[in-house]
């Protein structure tokens, strides 16, 4: 909630060629990449998109634009991670007795 307020009230004044940095989009990407629970990323995207829709209703034209964008992005990132990214799994190796040790 705080990041969205910061983005819509303070960062809106700092634009580069008419574009404003979307801070919450970066946060959603990081949550999708580093969270282990699937529903946490999607629910945070839904809540954040809802708040972005509330605070910037006149800019997009219809209510639900940011919610759809954030949920679609979260689903896409989770799909790519699940299908195409393999994280290394570290297993604990048991110590074996050395037959040459006296």
C-alpha atoms as a PDB file:
ATOM      1  CA  UNK A   1       0.000   0.000   0.000  1.00  0.00           C
ATOM      2  CA  UNK A   2       2.831   2.382   0.876  1.00  0.00           C
ATOM      3  CA  UNK A   3       4.663   1.750  -2.396  1.00  0.00           C
ATOM      4  CA  UNK A   4       1.555   2.476  -4.428  1.00  0.00           C
ATOM      5  CA  UNK A   5       0.926   5.712  -2.543  1.00  0.00           C
ATOM      6  CA  UNK A   6       4.547   6.690  -3.113  1.00  0.00           C
ATOM      7  CA  UNK A   7       4.291   5.867  -6.794  1.00  0.00           C
ATOM      8  CA  UNK A   8       1.007   7.655  -7.492  1.00  0.00           C
ATOM      9  CA  UNK A   9       1.610  10.743  -5.380  1.00  0.00           C
ATOM     10  CA  UNK A  10       5.354  11.428  -5.319  1.00  0.00           C
ATOM     11  CA  UNK A  11       6.948   9.614  -8.266  1.00  0.00           C
ATOM     12  CA  UNK A  12       4.278  10.876 -10.680  1.00  0.00           C
ATOM     13  CA  UNK A  13       6.047  14.254 -10.707  1.00  0.00           C
ATOM     14  CA  UNK A  14       9.318  12.705 -11.915  1.00  0.00           C
ATOM     15  CA  UNK A  15       8.606  11.581 -15.444  1.00  0.00           C
ATOM     16  CA  UNK A  16      10.983  10.901 -18.299  1.00  0.00           C
ATOM     17  CA  UNK A  17       9.439  11.790 -21.670  1.00  0.00           C
ATOM     18  CA  UNK A  18       5.956  11.343 -20.243  1.00  0.00           C
ATOM     19  CA  UNK A  19       6.633   7.921 -18.692  1.00  0.00           C
ATOM     20  CA  UNK A  20       6.628   7.264 -14.964  1.00  0.00           C
ATOM     21  CA  UNK A  21       8.633   4.495 -13.305  1.00  0.00           C
ATOM     22  CA  UNK A  22       6.294   1.746 -12.085  1.00  0.00           C
ATOM     23  CA  UNK A  23       7.699   0.755  -8.719  1.00  0.00           C
ATOM     24  CA  UNK A  24       5.053  -1.830  -7.977  1.00  0.00           C
ATOM     25  CA  UNK A  25       5.736  -3.660 -11.239  1.00  0.00           C
ATOM     26  CA  UNK A  26       9.317  -4.182 -10.094  1.00  0.00           C
ATOM     27  CA  UNK A  27       8.108  -5.452  -6.712  1.00  0.00           C
ATOM     28  CA  UNK A  28       5.723  -7.949  -8.351  1.00  0.00           C
ATOM     29  CA  UNK A  29       8.540  -9.284 -10.548  1.00  0.00           C
ATOM     30  CA  UNK A  30      10.796  -9.726  -7.504  1.00  0.00           C
ATOM     31  CA  UNK A  31       8.040 -11.421  -5.499  1.00  0.00           C
ATOM     32  CA  UNK A  32       7.358 -13.826  -8.365  1.00  0.00           C
ATOM     33  CA  UNK A  33      11.028 -14.665  -8.724  1.00  0.00           C
ATOM     34  CA  UNK A  34      11.885 -15.172  -5.064  1.00  0.00           C
ATOM     35  CA  UNK A  35       8.721 -16.435  -3.351  1.00  0.00           C
ATOM     36  CA  UNK A  36       8.177 -20.145  -3.051  1.00  0.00           C
ATOM     37  CA  UNK A  37       4.420 -19.981  -2.624  1.00  0.00           C
ATOM     38  CA  UNK A  38       2.480 -19.581  -5.842  1.00  0.00           C
ATOM     39  CA  UNK A  39      -0.613 -17.946  -4.406  1.00  0.00           C
ATOM     40  CA  UNK A  40       1.315 -15.253  -2.517  1.00  0.00           C
ATOM     41  CA  UNK A  41       2.639 -13.750  -5.744  1.00  0.00           C
ATOM     42  CA  UNK A  42      -0.737 -13.839  -7.487  1.00  0.00           C
ATOM     43  CA  UNK A  43      -2.636 -12.431  -4.507  1.00  0.00           C
ATOM     44  CA  UNK A  44      -0.113  -9.617  -4.041  1.00  0.00           C
ATOM     45  CA  UNK A  45      -0.412  -8.812  -7.753  1.00  0.00           C
ATOM     46  CA  UNK A  46      -4.195  -8.732  -7.435  1.00  0.00           C
ATOM     47  CA  UNK A  47      -4.194  -6.484  -4.371  1.00  0.00           C
ATOM     48  CA  UNK A  48      -1.534  -4.164  -5.773  1.00  0.00           C
ATOM     49  CA  UNK A  49      -3.280  -3.896  -9.134  1.00  0.00           C
ATOM     50  CA  UNK A  50      -6.539  -3.098  -7.364  1.00  0.00           C
ATOM     51  CA  UNK A  51      -4.889  -0.277  -5.410  1.00  0.00           C
ATOM     52  CA  UNK A  52      -3.247   1.066  -8.567  1.00  0.00           C
ATOM     53  CA  UNK A  53      -6.661   1.076 -10.245  1.00  0.00           C
ATOM     54  CA  UNK A  54      -8.188   2.971  -7.344  1.00  0.00           C
ATOM     55  CA  UNK A  55      -5.501   5.645  -7.221  1.00  0.00           C
ATOM     56  CA  UNK A  56      -5.165   6.176 -10.982  1.00  0.00           C
ATOM     57  CA  UNK A  57      -8.668   5.679 -12.330  1.00  0.00           C
ATOM     58  CA  UNK A  58      -8.684   8.560 -14.812  1.00  0.00           C
ATOM     59  CA  UNK A  59      -5.402   7.672 -16.534  1.00  0.00           C
ATOM     60  CA  UNK A  60      -6.246   4.255 -17.982  1.00  0.00           C
ATOM     61  CA  UNK A  61      -9.859   4.695 -19.006  1.00  0.00           C
ATOM     62  CA  UNK A  62     -11.398   1.672 -17.305  1.00  0.00           C
ATOM     63  CA  UNK A  63     -11.270   0.067 -13.890  1.00  0.00           C
ATOM     64  CA  UNK A  64      -9.357  -3.201 -13.732  1.00  0.00           C
ATOM     65  CA  UNK A  65      -6.589  -2.398 -16.199  1.00  0.00           C
ATOM     66  CA  UNK A  66      -3.708  -2.576 -13.721  1.00  0.00           C
ATOM     67  CA  UNK A  67      -5.250  -5.568 -11.963  1.00  0.00           C
ATOM     68  CA  UNK A  68      -5.346  -7.545 -15.207  1.00  0.00           C
ATOM     69  CA  UNK A  69      -1.814  -6.489 -16.139  1.00  0.00           C
ATOM     70  CA  UNK A  70      -0.346  -7.442 -12.748  1.00  0.00           C
ATOM     71  CA  UNK A  71      -2.151 -10.796 -12.511  1.00  0.00           C
ATOM     72  CA  UNK A  72      -1.211 -11.678 -16.096  1.00  0.00           C
ATOM     73  CA  UNK A  73       2.404 -10.784 -15.435  1.00  0.00           C
ATOM     74  CA  UNK A  74       2.466 -12.875 -12.244  1.00  0.00           C
ATOM     75  CA  UNK A  75       0.968 -15.894 -14.050  1.00  0.00           C
ATOM     76  CA  UNK A  76       3.423 -15.517 -16.935  1.00  0.00           C
ATOM     77  CA  UNK A  77       6.482 -15.279 -14.703  1.00  0.00           C
ATOM     78  CA  UNK A  78       5.370 -18.251 -12.591  1.00  0.00           C
ATOM     79  CA  UNK A  79       4.716 -20.284 -15.764  1.00  0.00           C
ATOM     80  CA  UNK A  80       8.148 -19.508 -17.196  1.00  0.00           C
ATOM     81  CA  UNK A  81       9.843 -20.349 -13.903  1.00  0.00           C
ATOM     82  CA  UNK A  82       7.934 -23.622 -13.524  1.00  0.00           C
ATOM     83  CA  UNK A  83       8.487 -24.809 -17.120  1.00  0.00           C
ATOM     84  CA  UNK A  84      11.905 -23.506 -18.121  1.00  0.00           C
ATOM     85  CA  UNK A  85      13.950 -22.700 -15.023  1.00  0.00           C
ATOM     86  CA  UNK A  86      15.516 -25.401 -12.912  1.00  0.00           C
ATOM     87  CA  UNK A  87      16.937 -24.417  -9.569  1.00  0.00           C
ATOM     88  CA  UNK A  88      19.750 -26.548  -8.167  1.00  0.00           C
ATOM     89  CA  UNK A  89      18.752 -28.727  -5.239  1.00  0.00           C
ATOM     90  CA  UNK A  90      21.387 -29.214  -2.628  1.00  0.00           C
ATOM     91  CA  UNK A  91      21.272 -32.563  -0.896  1.00  0.00           C
ATOM     92  CA  UNK A  92      23.125 -33.391   2.231  1.00  0.00           C
ATOM     93  CA  UNK A  93      25.862 -35.898   1.553  1.00  0.00           C
ATOM     94  CA  UNK A  94      26.455 -38.419   4.290  1.00  0.00           C
ATOM     95  CA  UNK A  95      29.998 -38.879   5.395  1.00  0.00           C
ATOM     96  CA  UNK A  96      31.422 -42.214   4.455  1.00  0.00           C
ATOM     97  CA  UNK A  97      34.162 -43.936   6.339  1.00  0.00           C
ATOM     98  CA  UNK A  98      37.492 -43.714   4.655  1.00  0.00           C
ATOM     99  CA  UNK A  99      38.897 -47.247   4.220  1.00  0.00           C
ATOM    100  CA  UNK A 100      42.454 -45.878   4.114  1.00  0.00           C
ATOM    101  CA  UNK A 101      42.154 -43.980   7.377  1.00  0.00           C
ATOM    102  CA  UNK A 102      43.934 -45.617  10.304  1.00  0.00           C
END
